[in-house]
Amino acid sequence: GEGGSGGEEDGVGLREAGVGGGVWCVSLPPALLAPLPQELRKPLKISDEWLSKLREMHTATVASTAPASAPASASAASAAAAELRFRSDLARLLLRYKALGGSGFQAAIGGGGGAG
């Protein structure tokens, strides 16, 4: 599984859901939850498999967009900052899916969309 801790007061939390393993809950800080409609305040969940895939893609994207002069620092502070950025981006992605109905077909043309 992915290492993680519960919800921080000012950041995005990530913890195992405890529903048989392999499922993670993403928790948002109260300040971010307050303006959301009630239906978007429910827990955001993601499978262990998808969490790993998204983490890999996020890491690759961040690495490919880093300036060439930026040192590849392995310090604890840079690792913590990278984890906070990932969690924030993960929460945004999951909220978008939830707001759009979660089907994953947001860019698909449905029904007679191609008929003209």
PDB file of N, CA and C in Angstrom:
ATOM      1  N   GLY A   1       0.805  -1.200   0.000  1.00  0.00           N
ATOM      2  CA  GLY A   1       0.000   0.000   0.000  1.00  0.00           C
ATOM      3  C   GLY A   1       0.841   1.253   0.000  1.00  0.00           C
ATOM      4  N   GLU A   2       0.172   2.345  -0.006  1.00  0.00           N
ATOM      5  CA  GLU A   2       0.799   3.654   0.019  1.00  0.00           C
ATOM      6  C   GLU A   2       0.919   4.107   1.458  1.00  0.00           C
ATOM      7  N   GLY A   3       2.045   4.671   1.837  1.00  0.00           N
ATOM      8  CA  GLY A   3       2.168   5.217   3.183  1.00  0.00           C
ATOM      9  C   GLY A   3       1.358   6.487   3.292  1.00  0.00           C
ATOM     10  N   GLY A   4       0.808   6.742   4.448  1.00  0.00           N
ATOM     11  CA  GLY A   4       0.046   7.965   4.583  1.00  0.00           C
ATOM     12  C   GLY A   4      -0.465   8.147   5.986  1.00  0.00           C
ATOM     13  N   SER A   5      -0.975   9.313   6.233  1.00  0.00           N
ATOM     14  CA  SER A   5      -1.524   9.617   7.535  1.00  0.00           C
ATOM     15  C   SER A   5      -2.907  10.183   7.362  1.00  0.00           C
ATOM     16  N   GLY A   6      -3.611  10.308   8.446  1.00  0.00           N
ATOM     17  CA  GLY A   6      -4.963  10.826   8.415  1.00  0.00           C
ATOM     18  C   GLY A   6      -5.007  12.288   8.063  1.00  0.00           C
ATOM     19  N   GLY A   7      -6.186  12.873   8.187  1.00  0.00           N
ATOM     20  CA  GLY A   7      -6.393  14.255   7.784  1.00  0.00           C
ATOM     21  C   GLY A   7      -5.683  15.245   8.678  1.00  0.00           C
ATOM     22  N   GLU A   8      -4.933  16.118   8.085  1.00  0.00           N
ATOM     23  CA  GLU A   8      -4.319  17.202   8.819  1.00  0.00           C
ATOM     24  C   GLU A   8      -5.301  18.362   8.843  1.00  0.00           C
ATOM     25  N   GLU A   9      -5.191  19.202   9.837  1.00  0.00           N
ATOM     26  CA  GLU A   9      -6.122  20.316   9.981  1.00  0.00           C
ATOM     27  C   GLU A   9      -6.036  21.277   8.805  1.00  0.00           C
ATOM     28  N   ASP A  10      -4.852  21.448   8.207  1.00  0.00           N
ATOM     29  CA  ASP A  10      -4.698  22.431   7.138  1.00  0.00           C
ATOM     30  C   ASP A  10      -4.324  21.815   5.803  1.00  0.00           C
ATOM     31  N   GLY A  11      -4.331  20.497   5.688  1.00  0.00           N
ATOM     32  CA  GLY A  11      -3.956  19.850   4.440  1.00  0.00           C
ATOM     33  C   GLY A  11      -4.886  18.701   4.105  1.00  0.00           C
ATOM     34  N   VAL A  12      -4.613  18.053   2.988  1.00  0.00           N
ATOM     35  CA  VAL A  12      -5.410  16.931   2.521  1.00  0.00           C
ATOM     36  C   VAL A  12      -4.891  15.663   3.184  1.00  0.00           C
ATOM     37  N   GLY A  13      -5.769  14.927   3.846  1.00  0.00           N
ATOM     38  CA  GLY A  13      -5.396  13.687   4.512  1.00  0.00           C
ATOM     39  C   GLY A  13      -5.571  12.490   3.599  1.00  0.00           C
ATOM     40  N   LEU A  14      -4.795  11.448   3.846  1.00  0.00           N
ATOM     41  CA  LEU A  14      -4.872  10.218   3.066  1.00  0.00           C
ATOM     42  C   LEU A  14      -4.700   9.068   4.039  1.00  0.00           C
ATOM     43  N   ARG A  15      -5.715   8.190   4.112  1.00  0.00           N
ATOM     44  CA  ARG A  15      -5.639   7.062   5.040  1.00  0.00           C
ATOM     45  C   ARG A  15      -6.375   5.864   4.459  1.00  0.00           C
ATOM     46  N   GLU A  16      -5.995   4.676   4.929  1.00  0.00           N
ATOM     47  CA  GLU A  16      -6.691   3.477   4.488  1.00  0.00           C
ATOM     48  C   GLU A  16      -8.114   3.527   5.019  1.00  0.00           C
ATOM     49  N   ALA A  17      -9.063   3.117   4.183  1.00  0.00           N
ATOM     50  CA  ALA A  17     -10.472   3.225   4.537  1.00  0.00           C
ATOM     51  C   ALA A  17     -10.900   2.193   5.568  1.00  0.00           C
ATOM     52  N   GLY A  18     -10.166   1.097   5.678  1.00  0.00           N
ATOM     53  CA  GLY A  18     -10.526   0.079   6.646  1.00  0.00           C
ATOM     54  C   GLY A  18     -11.746  -0.717   6.251  1.00  0.00           C
ATOM     55  N   VAL A  19     -11.973  -0.867   4.960  1.00  0.00           N
ATOM     56  CA  VAL A  19     -13.129  -1.626   4.471  1.00  0.00           C
ATOM     57  C   VAL A  19     -12.664  -2.897   3.766  1.00  0.00           C
ATOM     58  N   GLY A  20     -11.669  -3.551   4.315  1.00  0.00           N
ATOM     59  CA  GLY A  20     -11.173  -4.775   3.710  1.00  0.00           C
ATOM     60  C   GLY A  20      -9.851  -4.592   3.001  1.00  0.00           C
ATOM     61  N   GLY A  21      -9.276  -3.421   3.087  1.00  0.00           N
ATOM     62  CA  GLY A  21      -7.979  -3.167   2.463  1.00  0.00           C
ATOM     63  C   GLY A  21      -8.103  -2.789   1.003  1.00  0.00           C
ATOM     64  N   GLY A  22      -7.090  -2.104   0.528  1.00  0.00           N
ATOM     65  CA  GLY A  22      -7.051  -1.730  -0.876  1.00  0.00           C
ATOM     66  C   GLY A  22      -7.848  -0.494  -1.231  1.00  0.00           C
ATOM     67  N   VAL A  23      -8.473   0.161  -0.249  1.00  0.00           N
ATOM     68  CA  VAL A  23      -9.239   1.376  -0.502  1.00  0.00           C
ATOM     69  C   VAL A  23      -8.725   2.472   0.417  1.00  0.00           C
ATOM     70  N   TRP A  24      -8.574   3.652  -0.150  1.00  0.00           N
ATOM     71  CA  TRP A  24      -8.058   4.809   0.588  1.00  0.00           C
ATOM     72  C   TRP A  24      -9.111   5.904   0.632  1.00  0.00           C
ATOM     73  N   CYS A  25      -9.140   6.644   1.733  1.00  0.00           N
ATOM     74  CA  CYS A  25     -10.003   7.816   1.879  1.00  0.00           C
ATOM     75  C   CYS A  25      -9.144   9.069   1.802  1.00  0.00           C
ATOM     76  N   VAL A  26      -9.631  10.026   1.064  1.00  0.00           N
ATOM     77  CA  VAL A  26      -8.974  11.325   0.951  1.00  0.00           C
ATOM     78  C   VAL A  26      -9.854  12.311   1.702  1.00  0.00           C
ATOM     79  N   SER A  27      -9.296  12.942   2.725  1.00  0.00           N
ATOM     80  CA  SER A  27     -10.080  13.886   3.514  1.00  0.00           C
ATOM     81  C   SER A  27      -9.600  15.308   3.273  1.00  0.00           C
ATOM     82  N   LEU A  28     -10.560  16.206   3.222  1.00  0.00           N
ATOM     83  CA  LEU A  28     -10.269  17.619   2.991  1.00  0.00           C
ATOM     84  C   LEU A  28     -10.361  18.371   4.309  1.00  0.00           C
ATOM     85  N   PRO A  29      -9.561  19.417   4.458  1.00  0.00           N
ATOM     86  CA  PRO A  29      -9.658  20.223   5.676  1.00  0.00           C
ATOM     87  C   PRO A  29     -11.005  20.939   5.739  1.00  0.00           C
ATOM     88  N   PRO A  30     -11.501  21.214   6.943  1.00  0.00           N
ATOM     89  CA  PRO A  30     -12.811  21.862   7.109  1.00  0.00           C
ATOM     90  C   PRO A  30     -12.975  23.150   6.307  1.00  0.00           C
ATOM     91  N   ALA A  31     -11.922  23.929   6.169  1.00  0.00           N
ATOM     92  CA  ALA A  31     -12.033  25.199   5.430  1.00  0.00           C
ATOM     93  C   ALA A  31     -12.366  24.961   3.957  1.00  0.00           C
ATOM     94  N   LEU A  32     -11.909  23.844   3.399  1.00  0.00           N
ATOM     95  CA  LEU A  32     -12.228  23.537   1.999  1.00  0.00           C
ATOM     96  C   LEU A  32     -13.593  22.876   1.860  1.00  0.00           C
ATOM     97  N   LEU A  33     -14.034  22.159   2.881  1.00  0.00           N
ATOM     98  CA  LEU A  33     -15.334  21.491   2.824  1.00  0.00           C
ATOM     99  C   LEU A  33     -16.501  22.461   2.952  1.00  0.00           C
ATOM    100  N   ALA A  34     -16.328  23.504   3.742  1.00  0.00           N
ATOM    101  CA  ALA A  34     -17.422  24.416   4.069  1.00  0.00           C
ATOM    102  C   ALA A  34     -18.170  24.959   2.844  1.00  0.00           C
ATOM    103  N   PRO A  35     -17.482  25.439   1.797  1.00  0.00           N
ATOM    104  CA  PRO A  35     -18.232  26.010   0.671  1.00  0.00           C
ATOM    105  C   PRO A  35     -18.806  24.974  -0.303  1.00  0.00           C
ATOM    106  N   LEU A  36     -18.477  23.696  -0.124  1.00  0.00           N
ATOM    107  CA  LEU A  36     -18.930  22.673  -1.066  1.00  0.00           C
ATOM    108  C   LEU A  36     -20.387  22.304  -0.830  1.00  0.00           C
ATOM    109  N   PRO A  37     -21.105  21.967  -1.902  1.00  0.00           N
ATOM    110  CA  PRO A  37     -22.467  21.453  -1.722  1.00  0.00           C
ATOM    111  C   PRO A  37     -22.422  20.160  -0.899  1.00  0.00           C
ATOM    112  N   GLN A  38     -23.492  19.850  -0.198  1.00  0.00           N
ATOM    113  CA  GLN A  38     -23.538  18.698   0.699  1.00  0.00           C
ATOM    114  C   GLN A  38     -23.148  17.396   0.003  1.00  0.00           C
ATOM    115  N   GLU A  39     -23.572  17.201  -1.239  1.00  0.00           N
ATOM    116  CA  GLU A  39     -23.275  15.940  -1.934  1.00  0.00           C
ATOM    117  C   GLU A  39     -21.786  15.763  -2.223  1.00  0.00           C
ATOM    118  N   LEU A  40     -21.011  16.829  -2.206  1.00  0.00           N
ATOM    119  CA  LEU A  40     -19.567  16.724  -2.433  1.00  0.00           C
ATOM    120  C   LEU A  40     -18.773  16.610  -1.134  1.00  0.00           C
ATOM    121  N   ARG A  41     -19.463  16.652   0.005  1.00  0.00           N
ATOM    122  CA  ARG A  41     -18.772  16.560   1.295  1.00  0.00           C
ATOM    123  C   ARG A  41     -18.556  15.122   1.746  1.00  0.00           C
ATOM    124  N   LYS A  42     -19.134  14.172   1.057  1.00  0.00           N
ATOM    125  CA  LYS A  42     -18.963  12.761   1.411  1.00  0.00           C
ATOM    126  C   LYS A  42     -17.509  12.364   1.174  1.00  0.00           C
ATOM    127  N   PRO A  43     -17.043  11.315   1.849  1.00  0.00           N
ATOM    128  CA  PRO A  43     -15.632  10.916   1.697  1.00  0.00           C
ATOM    129  C   PRO A  43     -15.263  10.609   0.246  1.00  0.00           C
ATOM    130  N   LEU A  44     -14.072  10.999  -0.123  1.00  0.00           N
ATOM    131  CA  LEU A  44     -13.531  10.681  -1.440  1.00  0.00           C
ATOM    132  C   LEU A  44     -12.741   9.391  -1.267  1.00  0.00           C
ATOM    133  N   LYS A  45     -13.011   8.403  -2.108  1.00  0.00           N
ATOM    134  CA  LYS A  45     -12.328   7.122  -1.977  1.00  0.00           C
ATOM    135  C   LYS A  45     -11.665   6.745  -3.294  1.00  0.00           C
ATOM    136  N   ILE A  46     -10.562   6.017  -3.160  1.00  0.00           N
ATOM    137  CA  ILE A  46      -9.810   5.578  -4.327  1.00  0.00           C
ATOM    138  C   ILE A  46      -9.168   4.228  -4.002  1.00  0.00           C
ATOM    139  N   SER A  47      -9.088   3.373  -5.005  1.00  0.00           N
ATOM    140  CA  SER A  47      -8.482   2.058  -4.784  1.00  0.00           C
ATOM    141  C   SER A  47      -6.968   2.183  -4.684  1.00  0.00           C
ATOM    142  N   ASP A  48      -6.382   1.203  -4.041  1.00  0.00           N
ATOM    143  CA  ASP A  48      -4.927   1.161  -3.896  1.00  0.00           C
ATOM    144  C   ASP A  48      -4.259   1.164  -5.276  1.00  0.00           C
ATOM    145  N   GLU A  49      -4.839   0.411  -6.197  1.00  0.00           N
ATOM    146  CA  GLU A  49      -4.283   0.321  -7.561  1.00  0.00           C
ATOM    147  C   GLU A  49      -4.278   1.688  -8.247  1.00  0.00           C
ATOM    148  N   TRP A  50      -5.400   2.397  -8.206  1.00  0.00           N
ATOM    149  CA  TRP A  50      -5.479   3.699  -8.876  1.00  0.00           C
ATOM    150  C   TRP A  50      -4.659   4.753  -8.161  1.00  0.00           C
ATOM    151  N   LEU A  51      -4.584   4.657  -6.845  1.00  0.00           N
ATOM    152  CA  LEU A  51      -3.745   5.591  -6.101  1.00  0.00           C
ATOM    153  C   LEU A  51      -2.293   5.446  -6.533  1.00  0.00           C
ATOM    154  N   SER A  52      -1.825   4.220  -6.671  1.00  0.00           N
ATOM    155  CA  SER A  52      -0.442   3.974  -7.110  1.00  0.00           C
ATOM    156  C   SER A  52      -0.207   4.495  -8.520  1.00  0.00           C
ATOM    157  N   LYS A  53      -1.166   4.238  -9.421  1.00  0.00           N
ATOM    158  CA  LYS A  53      -1.023   4.705 -10.808  1.00  0.00           C
ATOM    159  C   LYS A  53      -0.988   6.228 -10.879  1.00  0.00           C
ATOM    160  N   LEU A  54      -1.890   6.870 -10.149  1.00  0.00           N
ATOM    161  CA  LEU A  54      -1.922   8.338 -10.163  1.00  0.00           C
ATOM    162  C   LEU A  54      -0.660   8.927  -9.546  1.00  0.00           C
ATOM    163  N   ARG A  55      -0.148   8.294  -8.493  1.00  0.00           N
ATOM    164  CA  ARG A  55       1.090   8.773  -7.865  1.00  0.00           C
ATOM    165  C   ARG A  55       2.254   8.679  -8.865  1.00  0.00           C
ATOM    166  N   GLU A  56       2.342   7.563  -9.592  1.00  0.00           N
ATOM    167  CA  GLU A  56       3.403   7.394 -10.602  1.00  0.00           C
ATOM    168  C   GLU A  56       3.294   8.455 -11.691  1.00  0.00           C
ATOM    169  N   MET A  57       2.079   8.673 -12.203  1.00  0.00           N
ATOM    170  CA  MET A  57       1.891   9.669 -13.262  1.00  0.00           C
ATOM    171  C   MET A  57       2.197  11.070 -12.748  1.00  0.00           C
ATOM    172  N   HIS A  58       1.792  11.370 -11.522  1.00  0.00           N
ATOM    173  CA  HIS A  58       2.050  12.680 -10.941  1.00  0.00           C
ATOM    174  C   HIS A  58       3.547  12.908 -10.798  1.00  0.00           C
ATOM    175  N   THR A  59       4.258  11.916 -10.286  1.00  0.00           N
ATOM    176  CA  THR A  59       5.706  12.029 -10.105  1.00  0.00           C
ATOM    177  C   THR A  59       6.398  12.257 -11.445  1.00  0.00           C
ATOM    178  N   ALA A  60       5.988  11.501 -12.467  1.00  0.00           N
ATOM    179  CA  ALA A  60       6.591  11.651 -13.793  1.00  0.00           C
ATOM    180  C   ALA A  60       6.303  13.030 -14.380  1.00  0.00           C
ATOM    181  N   THR A  61       5.080  13.516 -14.193  1.00  0.00           N
ATOM    182  CA  THR A  61       4.713  14.824 -14.725  1.00  0.00           C
ATOM    183  C   THR A  61       5.488  15.936 -14.037  1.00  0.00           C
ATOM    184  N   VAL A  62       5.579  15.864 -12.726  1.00  0.00           N
ATOM    185  CA  VAL A  62       6.324  16.883 -11.978  1.00  0.00           C
ATOM    186  C   VAL A  62       7.793  16.867 -12.399  1.00  0.00           C
ATOM    187  N   ALA A  63       8.364  15.675 -12.546  1.00  0.00           N
ATOM    188  CA  ALA A  63       9.775  15.564 -12.950  1.00  0.00           C
ATOM    189  C   ALA A  63       9.993  16.122 -14.349  1.00  0.00           C
ATOM    190  N   SER A  64       9.043  15.893 -15.257  1.00  0.00           N
ATOM    191  CA  SER A  64       9.220  16.346 -16.635  1.00  0.00           C
ATOM    192  C   SER A  64       9.025  17.857 -16.780  1.00  0.00           C
ATOM    193  N   THR A  65       8.356  18.485 -15.817  1.00  0.00           N
ATOM    194  CA  THR A  65       8.121  19.922 -15.911  1.00  0.00           C
ATOM    195  C   THR A  65       9.062  20.733 -15.021  1.00  0.00           C
ATOM    196  N   ALA A  66       9.921  20.053 -14.265  1.00  0.00           N
ATOM    197  CA  ALA A  66      10.869  20.767 -13.400  1.00  0.00           C
ATOM    198  C   ALA A  66      11.944  21.420 -14.254  1.00  0.00           C
ATOM    199  N   PRO A  67      12.382  22.608 -13.888  1.00  0.00           N
ATOM    200  CA  PRO A  67      13.461  23.258 -14.635  1.00  0.00           C
ATOM    201  C   PRO A  67      14.726  22.402 -14.619  1.00  0.00           C
ATOM    202  N   ALA A  68      15.465  22.432 -15.702  1.00  0.00           N
ATOM    203  CA  ALA A  68      16.679  21.621 -15.814  1.00  0.00           C
ATOM    204  C   ALA A  68      17.696  21.991 -14.740  1.00  0.00           C
ATOM    205  N   SER A  69      17.679  23.227 -14.289  1.00  0.00           N
ATOM    206  CA  SER A  69      18.637  23.671 -13.290  1.00  0.00           C
ATOM    207  C   SER A  69      18.234  23.291 -11.868  1.00  0.00           C
ATOM    208  N   ALA A  70      16.996  22.782 -11.696  1.00  0.00           N
ATOM    209  CA  ALA A  70      16.536  22.427 -10.358  1.00  0.00           C
ATOM    210  C   ALA A  70      17.223  21.154  -9.891  1.00  0.00           C
ATOM    211  N   PRO A  71      17.849  21.187  -8.717  1.00  0.00           N
ATOM    212  CA  PRO A  71      18.512  19.991  -8.214  1.00  0.00           C
ATOM    213  C   PRO A  71      17.486  18.944  -7.794  1.00  0.00           C
ATOM    214  N   ALA A  72      17.817  17.691  -7.993  1.00  0.00           N
ATOM    215  CA  ALA A  72      16.935  16.591  -7.599  1.00  0.00           C
ATOM    216  C   ALA A  72      17.193  16.296  -6.132  1.00  0.00           C
ATOM    217  N   SER A  73      16.700  17.160  -5.286  1.00  0.00           N
ATOM    218  CA  SER A  73      16.935  17.055  -3.848  1.00  0.00           C
ATOM    219  C   SER A  73      16.104  15.942  -3.246  1.00  0.00           C
ATOM    220  N   ALA A  74      16.726  15.140  -2.411  1.00  0.00           N
ATOM    221  CA  ALA A  74      16.033  14.043  -1.750  1.00  0.00           C
ATOM    222  C   ALA A  74      15.821  14.358  -0.276  1.00  0.00           C
ATOM    223  N   SER A  75      15.826  15.629   0.068  1.00  0.00           N
ATOM    224  CA  SER A  75      15.674  16.006   1.462  1.00  0.00           C
ATOM    225  C   SER A  75      14.264  15.692   1.949  1.00  0.00           C
ATOM    226  N   ALA A  76      14.150  15.570   3.251  1.00  0.00           N
ATOM    227  CA  ALA A  76      12.850  15.289   3.852  1.00  0.00           C
ATOM    228  C   ALA A  76      11.859  16.414   3.557  1.00  0.00           C
ATOM    229  N   ALA A  77      12.340  17.650   3.544  1.00  0.00           N
ATOM    230  CA  ALA A  77      11.461  18.787   3.272  1.00  0.00           C
ATOM    231  C   ALA A  77      10.917  18.742   1.848  1.00  0.00           C
ATOM    232  N   SER A  78      11.765  18.403   0.876  1.00  0.00           N
ATOM    233  CA  SER A  78      11.281  18.357  -0.504  1.00  0.00           C
ATOM    234  C   SER A  78      10.352  17.165  -0.714  1.00  0.00           C
ATOM    235  N   ALA A  79      10.607  16.060  -0.037  1.00  0.00           N
ATOM    236  CA  ALA A  79       9.722  14.896  -0.127  1.00  0.00           C
ATOM    237  C   ALA A  79       8.358  15.220   0.483  1.00  0.00           C
ATOM    238  N   ALA A  80       8.362  15.927   1.608  1.00  0.00           N
ATOM    239  CA  ALA A  80       7.110  16.324   2.249  1.00  0.00           C
ATOM    240  C   ALA A  80       6.329  17.292   1.364  1.00  0.00           C
ATOM    241  N   ALA A  81       7.022  18.243   0.737  1.00  0.00           N
ATOM    242  CA  ALA A  81       6.363  19.199  -0.156  1.00  0.00           C
ATOM    243  C   ALA A  81       5.768  18.484  -1.366  1.00  0.00           C
ATOM    244  N   ALA A  82       6.497  17.509  -1.908  1.00  0.00           N
ATOM    245  CA  ALA A  82       5.996  16.742  -3.052  1.00  0.00           C
ATOM    246  C   ALA A  82       4.748  15.953  -2.667  1.00  0.00           C
ATOM    247  N   GLU A  83       4.741  15.381  -1.460  1.00  0.00           N
ATOM    248  CA  GLU A  83       3.574  14.626  -0.997  1.00  0.00           C
ATOM    249  C   GLU A  83       2.374  15.540  -0.805  1.00  0.00           C
ATOM    250  N   LEU A  84       2.577  16.730  -0.258  1.00  0.00           N
ATOM    251  CA  LEU A  84       1.479  17.684  -0.089  1.00  0.00           C
ATOM    252  C   LEU A  84       0.906  18.102  -1.437  1.00  0.00           C
ATOM    253  N   ARG A  85       1.788  18.334  -2.410  1.00  0.00           N
ATOM    254  CA  ARG A  85       1.328  18.706  -3.750  1.00  0.00           C
ATOM    255  C   ARG A  85       0.532  17.574  -4.384  1.00  0.00           C
ATOM    256  N   PHE A  86       1.004  16.333  -4.233  1.00  0.00           N
ATOM    257  CA  PHE A  86       0.284  15.182  -4.781  1.00  0.00           C
ATOM    258  C   PHE A  86      -1.099  15.075  -4.153  1.00  0.00           C
ATOM    259  N   ARG A  87      -1.176  15.176  -2.830  1.00  0.00           N
ATOM    260  CA  ARG A  87      -2.462  15.040  -2.150  1.00  0.00           C
ATOM    261  C   ARG A  87      -3.436  16.132  -2.580  1.00  0.00           C
ATOM    262  N   SER A  88      -2.943  17.329  -2.735  1.00  0.00           N
ATOM    263  CA  SER A  88      -3.785  18.434  -3.176  1.00  0.00           C
ATOM    264  C   SER A  88      -4.305  18.184  -4.590  1.00  0.00           C
ATOM    265  N   ASP A  89      -3.415  17.758  -5.481  1.00  0.00           N
ATOM    266  CA  ASP A  89      -3.820  17.464  -6.856  1.00  0.00           C
ATOM    267  C   ASP A  89      -4.783  16.272  -6.912  1.00  0.00           C
ATOM    268  N   LEU A  90      -4.549  15.263  -6.066  1.00  0.00           N
ATOM    269  CA  LEU A  90      -5.426  14.093  -6.002  1.00  0.00           C
ATOM    270  C   LEU A  90      -6.824  14.505  -5.554  1.00  0.00           C
ATOM    271  N   ALA A  91      -6.902  15.346  -4.528  1.00  0.00           N
ATOM    272  CA  ALA A  91      -8.207  15.803  -4.043  1.00  0.00           C
ATOM    273  C   ALA A  91      -8.952  16.570  -5.127  1.00  0.00           C
ATOM    274  N   ARG A  92      -8.248  17.431  -5.859  1.00  0.00           N
ATOM    275  CA  ARG A  92      -8.897  18.173  -6.954  1.00  0.00           C
ATOM    276  C   ARG A  92      -9.457  17.219  -8.007  1.00  0.00           C
ATOM    277  N   LEU A  93      -8.656  16.228  -8.383  1.00  0.00           N
ATOM    278  CA  LEU A  93      -9.087  15.264  -9.394  1.00  0.00           C
ATOM    279  C   LEU A  93     -10.325  14.493  -8.928  1.00  0.00           C
ATOM    280  N   LEU A  94     -10.283  13.983  -7.696  1.00  0.00           N
ATOM    281  CA  LEU A  94     -11.408  13.208  -7.183  1.00  0.00           C
ATOM    282  C   LEU A  94     -12.664  14.055  -7.028  1.00  0.00           C
ATOM    283  N   LEU A  95     -12.499  15.325  -6.631  1.00  0.00           N
ATOM    284  CA  LEU A  95     -13.667  16.212  -6.544  1.00  0.00           C
ATOM    285  C   LEU A  95     -14.269  16.473  -7.918  1.00  0.00           C
ATOM    286  N   ARG A  96     -13.417  16.612  -8.928  1.00  0.00           N
ATOM    287  CA  ARG A  96     -13.940  16.804 -10.297  1.00  0.00           C
ATOM    288  C   ARG A  96     -14.756  15.597 -10.731  1.00  0.00           C
ATOM    289  N   TYR A  97     -14.209  14.394 -10.503  1.00  0.00           N
ATOM    290  CA  TYR A  97     -14.949  13.178 -10.858  1.00  0.00           C
ATOM    291  C   TYR A  97     -16.275  13.112 -10.115  1.00  0.00           C
ATOM    292  N   LYS A  98     -16.244  13.417  -8.818  1.00  0.00           N
ATOM    293  CA  LYS A  98     -17.465  13.354  -8.020  1.00  0.00           C
ATOM    294  C   LYS A  98     -18.482  14.370  -8.517  1.00  0.00           C
ATOM    295  N   ALA A  99     -18.042  15.591  -8.824  1.00  0.00           N
ATOM    296  CA  ALA A  99     -18.945  16.638  -9.299  1.00  0.00           C
ATOM    297  C   ALA A  99     -19.562  16.288 -10.646  1.00  0.00           C
ATOM    298  N   LEU A 100     -18.814  15.538 -11.460  1.00  0.00           N
ATOM    299  CA  LEU A 100     -19.300  15.173 -12.789  1.00  0.00           C
ATOM    300  C   LEU A 100     -20.031  13.836 -12.811  1.00  0.00           C
ATOM    301  N   GLY A 101     -20.214  13.249 -11.673  1.00  0.00           N
ATOM    302  CA  GLY A 101     -20.954  11.997 -11.602  1.00  0.00           C
ATOM    303  C   GLY A 101     -20.080  10.771 -11.485  1.00  0.00           C
ATOM    304  N   GLY A 102     -18.768  10.927 -11.563  1.00  0.00           N
ATOM    305  CA  GLY A 102     -17.852   9.829 -11.324  1.00  0.00           C
ATOM    306  C   GLY A 102     -17.751   8.776 -12.390  1.00  0.00           C
ATOM    307  N   SER A 103     -18.362   8.968 -13.540  1.00  0.00           N
ATOM    308  CA  SER A 103     -18.361   7.914 -14.549  1.00  0.00           C
ATOM    309  C   SER A 103     -17.039   7.782 -15.288  1.00  0.00           C
ATOM    310  N   GLY A 104     -16.236   8.839 -15.325  1.00  0.00           N
ATOM    311  CA  GLY A 104     -14.967   8.777 -16.029  1.00  0.00           C
ATOM    312  C   GLY A 104     -15.071   9.058 -17.522  1.00  0.00           C
ATOM    313  N   PHE A 105     -16.260   9.421 -17.982  1.00  0.00           N
ATOM    314  CA  PHE A 105     -16.464   9.655 -19.415  1.00  0.00           C
ATOM    315  C   PHE A 105     -16.672  11.132 -19.715  1.00  0.00           C
ATOM    316  N   GLN A 106     -16.037  12.020 -18.963  1.00  0.00           N
ATOM    317  CA  GLN A 106     -16.272  13.439 -19.119  1.00  0.00           C
ATOM    318  C   GLN A 106     -15.933  13.948 -20.507  1.00  0.00           C
ATOM    319  N   ALA A 107     -14.960  13.336 -21.181  1.00  0.00           N
ATOM    320  CA  ALA A 107     -14.555  13.820 -22.493  1.00  0.00           C
ATOM    321  C   ALA A 107     -15.175  13.007 -23.628  1.00  0.00           C
ATOM    322  N   ALA A 108     -15.992  12.024 -23.301  1.00  0.00           N
ATOM    323  CA  ALA A 108     -16.589  11.174 -24.329  1.00  0.00           C
ATOM    324  C   ALA A 108     -17.786  11.865 -24.975  1.00  0.00           C
ATOM    325  N   ILE A 109     -18.009  11.569 -26.227  1.00  0.00           N
ATOM    326  CA  ILE A 109     -19.205  12.055 -26.913  1.00  0.00           C
ATOM    327  C   ILE A 109     -20.235  10.949 -26.808  1.00  0.00           C
ATOM    328  N   GLY A 110     -21.323  11.227 -26.126  1.00  0.00           N
ATOM    329  CA  GLY A 110     -22.326  10.200 -25.920  1.00  0.00           C
ATOM    330  C   GLY A 110     -23.472  10.277 -26.907  1.00  0.00           C
ATOM    331  N   GLY A 111     -24.250   9.206 -26.921  1.00  0.00           N
ATOM    332  CA  GLY A 111     -25.481   9.145 -27.714  1.00  0.00           C
ATOM    333  C   GLY A 111     -25.294   9.597 -29.146  1.00  0.00           C
ATOM    334  N   GLY A 112     -26.089  10.571 -29.546  1.00  0.00           N
ATOM    335  CA  GLY A 112     -26.043  11.087 -30.901  1.00  0.00           C
ATOM    336  C   GLY A 112     -25.113  12.279 -31.050  1.00  0.00           C
ATOM    337  N   GLY A 113     -24.139  12.420 -30.177  1.00  0.00           N
ATOM    338  CA  GLY A 113     -23.237  13.554 -30.218  1.00  0.00           C
ATOM    339  C   GLY A 113     -22.477  13.685 -31.522  1.00  0.00           C
ATOM    340  N   GLY A 114     -22.212  12.577 -32.205  1.00  0.00           N
ATOM    341  CA  GLY A 114     -21.466  12.625 -33.452  1.00  0.00           C
ATOM    342  C   GLY A 114     -22.361  12.693 -34.676  1.00  0.00           C
ATOM    343  N   ALA A 115     -23.667  12.561 -34.440  1.00  0.00           N
ATOM    344  CA  ALA A 115     -24.602  12.577 -35.577  1.00  0.00           C
ATOM    345  C   ALA A 115     -24.793  14.007 -36.062  1.00  0.00           C
ATOM    346  N   GLY A 116     -24.893  14.162 -37.308  1.00  0.00           N
ATOM    347  CA  GLY A 116     -24.998  15.540 -37.757  1.00  0.00           C
ATOM    348  C   GLY A 116     -25.867  15.656 -38.865  1.00  0.00           C
TER     349      GLY A 116
END
